C-alpha cells in the first residue's frame, strides 16, 4: 500500500516559475502547469484534490476497499506521467473526464492482474460495471454529482490561505451560500461594491489556479 508521501517522493521539488504578462509582471503558474514541471507540492495538492473522486470511481466499479488506494495511486501516477496527452482545446474536453478514462483503464488492469487470485477483486461484476461507465463524459448520477461538488469545495479551500479572512467571507457568503451583497454590509463591515470586488478577486484567482482542473 502506497501513501501520498511516497508518491510525492517520485517527483523532485523544483521552484515553480511563472510567465510574464503584458505589463512585464510575472504571473504565477497554475496548479496544472506546476505539476507539469514536476513540482512536488503541486503533485501533493493534485492528489488532495482528486484522490477522493478517483476512490469514488473505484468503489463504483466495485474495487475492493483494500485495493482501492493502490488503484487510485496508479491512476494519479499514470495521469501525471501522461499530462502531455491531456487536451483542453476541444468541446467537451475536461480534466475530470480524462482522469475518469484513466481510472477505468487502471481498474481494468487491476481486474486482469487479479483474475486468478482466490477471492479476486472485481471479476465479471467489475467488468460489467466498467462497461456501464465506459464513456468518461457520460452524465453523472446523483452520488457522483455530490462528489464533484466536494471536489469544487476542495479546490476553493486550496486558495483560501491567499486571502484575508474578510475577503474570503465575502466570497464564501455570496458565492457558496448565495447571499446578496446588500444583505452582508453589516455582517462584513464592507460596502456592496467592496463585497462584489472581493468575490471577483477570489474567483479570478480560483480560475487561474484551478481552471483547467475543475472546468
Protein backbone atom coordinates (compact mmCIF):
# COMPACT_ATOMS: atom_id res chain seq x y z
CA UNK A 1 0.00 0.00 0.00
CA UNK A 2 1.46 3.31 -1.06
CA UNK A 3 0.75 6.63 0.57
CA UNK A 4 0.83 10.24 -0.58
CA UNK A 5 4.26 10.88 0.92
CA UNK A 6 5.72 8.01 -1.09
CA UNK A 7 4.05 9.34 -4.21
CA UNK A 8 5.44 12.79 -3.55
CA UNK A 9 8.97 11.43 -3.40
CA UNK A 10 8.63 10.30 -7.02
CA UNK A 11 8.66 13.94 -8.08
CA UNK A 12 11.64 16.18 -7.27
CA UNK A 13 10.79 19.54 -5.80
CA UNK A 14 11.58 22.38 -8.18
CA UNK A 15 10.96 26.07 -7.94
CA UNK A 16 7.74 26.96 -9.69
CA UNK A 17 8.36 29.83 -12.05
CA UNK A 18 5.87 31.97 -13.88
CA UNK A 19 5.05 33.67 -17.13
CA UNK A 20 5.33 37.35 -17.96
CA UNK A 21 2.09 39.19 -18.64
CA UNK A 22 1.69 42.21 -20.89
CA UNK A 23 2.76 44.60 -18.13
CA UNK A 24 6.03 42.78 -17.52
CA UNK A 25 4.79 41.28 -14.25
CA UNK A 26 5.31 37.59 -13.53
CA UNK A 27 2.08 35.60 -13.50
CA UNK A 28 2.33 32.51 -11.26
CA UNK A 29 1.89 29.17 -12.96
CA UNK A 30 -1.40 27.37 -12.44
CA UNK A 31 -1.50 24.20 -10.39
CA UNK A 32 -1.62 22.02 -13.50
CA UNK A 33 1.31 23.89 -15.04
CA UNK A 34 3.32 23.35 -11.85
CA UNK A 35 2.52 19.64 -11.86
CA UNK A 36 3.94 19.55 -15.39
CA UNK A 37 7.21 20.98 -14.04
CA UNK A 38 7.46 18.08 -11.53
CA UNK A 39 6.75 20.38 -8.58
CA UNK A 40 6.33 18.07 -5.57
CA UNK A 41 3.98 20.40 -3.70
CA UNK A 42 1.75 20.74 -6.78
CA UNK A 43 1.66 16.94 -7.05
CA UNK A 44 0.57 16.72 -3.39
CA UNK A 45 -2.19 19.26 -3.96
CA UNK A 46 -3.41 17.44 -7.07
CA UNK A 47 -3.59 14.23 -5.04
CA UNK A 48 -5.57 16.00 -2.30
CA UNK A 49 -7.90 17.44 -4.92
CA UNK A 50 -8.69 14.34 -6.94
CA UNK A 51 -7.95 11.25 -4.85
CA UNK A 52 -11.40 11.18 -3.19
CA UNK A 53 -13.15 11.31 -6.57
CA UNK A 54 -10.90 8.58 -8.00
CA UNK A 55 -11.69 6.43 -4.96
CA UNK A 56 -15.39 7.05 -5.60
CA UNK A 57 -14.98 5.80 -9.17
CA UNK A 58 -13.12 2.74 -7.89
CA UNK A 59 -15.97 1.99 -5.48
CA UNK A 60 -18.47 2.42 -8.30
CA UNK A 61 -16.51 -0.19 -10.28
CA UNK A 62 -16.65 -2.46 -7.20
CA UNK A 63 -12.93 -2.47 -6.47
CA UNK A 64 -12.39 -3.88 -3.00
CA UNK A 65 -11.59 -1.09 -0.49
CA UNK A 66 -8.35 -2.86 0.47
CA UNK A 67 -7.10 -2.42 -3.11
CA UNK A 68 -8.72 0.89 -4.00
CA UNK A 69 -5.91 3.03 -2.55
CA UNK A 70 -3.32 1.28 -4.72
CA UNK A 71 -5.51 1.60 -7.80
CA UNK A 72 -6.06 5.30 -7.09
CA UNK A 73 -2.32 5.79 -6.65
CA UNK A 74 -1.76 4.14 -10.03
CA UNK A 75 -4.34 6.42 -11.62
CA UNK A 76 -2.73 9.60 -10.35
CA UNK A 77 0.80 8.49 -11.24
CA UNK A 78 -0.34 7.49 -14.74
CA UNK A 79 -2.16 10.79 -15.16
CA UNK A 80 0.83 12.84 -14.08
CA UNK A 81 3.15 10.91 -16.37
CA UNK A 82 0.76 11.39 -19.29
CA UNK A 83 -0.16 15.05 -18.81
CA UNK A 84 1.25 15.91 -22.23
CA UNK A 85 -1.60 13.89 -23.72
CA UNK A 86 -4.31 15.86 -21.91
CA UNK A 87 -6.09 18.23 -24.26
CA UNK A 88 -8.38 21.08 -23.29
CA UNK A 89 -8.91 22.65 -26.70
CA UNK A 90 -11.92 20.70 -27.97
CA UNK A 91 -15.59 20.97 -26.93
CA UNK A 92 -16.23 18.63 -24.03
CA UNK A 93 -12.57 18.23 -23.04
CA UNK A 94 -12.23 18.21 -19.26
CA UNK A 95 -9.51 17.06 -16.92
CA UNK A 96 -12.09 15.17 -14.90
CA UNK A 97 -13.30 13.24 -17.96
CA UNK A 98 -9.74 12.46 -18.98
CA UNK A 99 -8.89 11.24 -15.48
CA UNK A 100 -12.05 9.17 -15.37
CA UNK A 101 -10.95 7.33 -18.53
CA UNK A 102 -7.55 6.65 -16.95
CA UNK A 103 -9.31 5.32 -13.85
CA UNK A 104 -11.32 2.91 -15.96
CA UNK A 105 -8.14 1.64 -17.62
CA UNK A 106 -6.35 1.22 -14.31
CA UNK A 107 -9.27 -0.70 -12.82
CA UNK A 108 -9.32 -2.98 -15.87
CA UNK A 109 -5.61 -3.66 -15.39
CA UNK A 110 -6.24 -4.40 -11.73
CA UNK A 111 -9.05 -6.85 -12.57
CA UNK A 112 -6.90 -8.65 -15.13
CA UNK A 113 -3.90 -8.91 -12.81
CA UNK A 114 -6.07 -10.45 -10.08
CA UNK A 115 -8.34 -12.63 -12.19
CA UNK A 116 -6.82 -15.91 -11.00
CA UNK A 117 -6.37 -14.91 -7.36
CA UNK A 118 -8.63 -16.53 -4.74
CA UNK A 119 -11.46 -14.12 -3.91
CA UNK A 120 -10.12 -11.82 -6.57
CA UNK A 121 -11.43 -8.28 -6.60
CA UNK A 122 -13.67 -7.34 -9.49
CA UNK A 123 -14.17 -10.27 -11.84
CA UNK A 124 -17.13 -10.24 -14.22
CA UNK A 125 -19.18 -7.96 -11.96
CA UNK A 126 -16.48 -5.31 -12.08
CA UNK A 127 -16.20 -5.70 -15.83
CA UNK A 128 -19.92 -5.11 -16.28
CA UNK A 129 -19.74 -2.07 -14.05
CA UNK A 130 -16.90 -0.65 -16.10
CA UNK A 131 -18.81 -1.13 -19.32
CA UNK A 132 -21.68 0.85 -17.82
CA UNK A 133 -19.42 3.87 -17.19
CA UNK A 134 -17.16 3.48 -20.22
CA UNK A 135 -17.82 6.98 -21.53
CA UNK A 136 -15.72 9.39 -19.45
CA UNK A 137 -18.11 12.23 -20.34
CA UNK A 138 -21.31 10.34 -19.51
CA UNK A 139 -23.92 12.10 -17.39
CA UNK A 140 -23.08 11.68 -13.70
CA UNK A 141 -25.56 10.15 -11.28
CA UNK A 142 -26.69 11.93 -8.13
CA UNK A 143 -23.95 10.44 -5.96
CA UNK A 144 -21.27 11.43 -8.43
CA UNK A 145 -22.62 14.96 -8.69
CA UNK A 146 -22.28 15.20 -4.92
CA UNK A 147 -18.68 14.00 -5.14
CA UNK A 148 -17.95 16.60 -7.81
CA UNK A 149 -19.43 19.24 -5.54
CA UNK A 150 -16.92 18.18 -2.89
CA UNK A 151 -14.16 18.42 -5.50
CA UNK A 152 -15.08 22.06 -6.11
CA UNK A 153 -15.06 22.75 -2.39
CA UNK A 154 -11.59 21.23 -2.04
CA UNK A 155 -10.38 23.42 -4.90
CA UNK A 156 -11.78 26.50 -3.20
CA UNK A 157 -10.15 25.59 0.11
CA UNK A 158 -6.75 25.27 -1.57
CA UNK A 159 -6.67 29.01 -2.35
CA UNK A 160 -8.24 30.16 0.91
CA UNK A 161 -4.94 30.96 2.63
CA UNK A 162 -4.09 33.55 -0.02
CA UNK A 163 -6.81 35.96 1.14
CA UNK A 164 -7.66 37.98 4.22
CA UNK A 165 -10.50 36.50 6.22
CA UNK A 166 -12.96 39.28 5.39
CA UNK A 167 -12.26 38.94 1.66
CA UNK A 168 -12.74 35.20 1.95
CA UNK A 169 -16.00 35.59 3.85
CA UNK A 170 -17.31 37.97 1.19
CA UNK A 171 -16.60 35.35 -1.45
CA UNK A 172 -17.94 32.42 0.57
CA UNK A 173 -21.18 34.07 1.68
CA UNK A 174 -22.05 35.36 -1.79
CA UNK A 175 -20.80 32.52 -3.98
CA UNK A 176 -21.23 29.40 -1.87
CA UNK A 177 -24.18 30.44 0.29
CA UNK A 178 -25.81 32.63 -2.36
CA UNK A 179 -26.38 35.66 -0.13
CA UNK A 180 -26.76 39.13 -1.64
CA UNK A 181 -24.04 41.77 -1.06
CA UNK A 182 -26.60 44.29 0.21
CA UNK A 183 -27.57 41.88 2.99
CA UNK A 184 -23.96 41.47 4.15
CA UNK A 185 -23.00 45.12 4.71
CA UNK A 186 -23.38 44.96 8.49
CA UNK A 187 -22.06 41.40 8.75
CA UNK A 188 -18.79 42.16 6.93
CA UNK A 189 -18.44 45.90 7.50
CA UNK A 190 -17.99 46.37 3.75
CA UNK A 191 -19.91 48.23 1.08
CA UNK A 192 -21.80 46.16 -1.52
CA UNK A 193 -19.27 47.25 -4.14
CA UNK A 194 -16.36 46.11 -1.96
CA UNK A 195 -18.07 42.77 -1.36
CA UNK A 196 -18.52 42.23 -5.08
CA UNK A 197 -14.92 43.20 -5.70
CA UNK A 198 -13.70 40.75 -3.05
CA UNK A 199 -15.79 37.99 -4.58
CA UNK A 200 -14.34 38.73 -8.02
CA UNK A 201 -10.77 38.63 -6.70
CA UNK A 202 -11.21 35.15 -5.27
CA UNK A 203 -13.00 33.89 -8.38
CA UNK A 204 -10.23 35.21 -10.64
CA UNK A 205 -7.58 33.54 -8.52
CA UNK A 206 -9.53 30.28 -8.42
CA UNK A 207 -9.98 30.30 -12.19
CA UNK A 208 -6.27 30.90 -12.77
CA UNK A 209 -5.10 28.31 -10.24
CA UNK A 210 -7.67 25.58 -10.87
CA UNK A 211 -9.45 26.44 -14.11
CA UNK A 212 -8.12 23.57 -16.24
CA UNK A 213 -8.61 21.10 -13.40
CA UNK A 214 -12.21 21.79 -12.44
CA UNK A 215 -13.78 23.26 -15.59
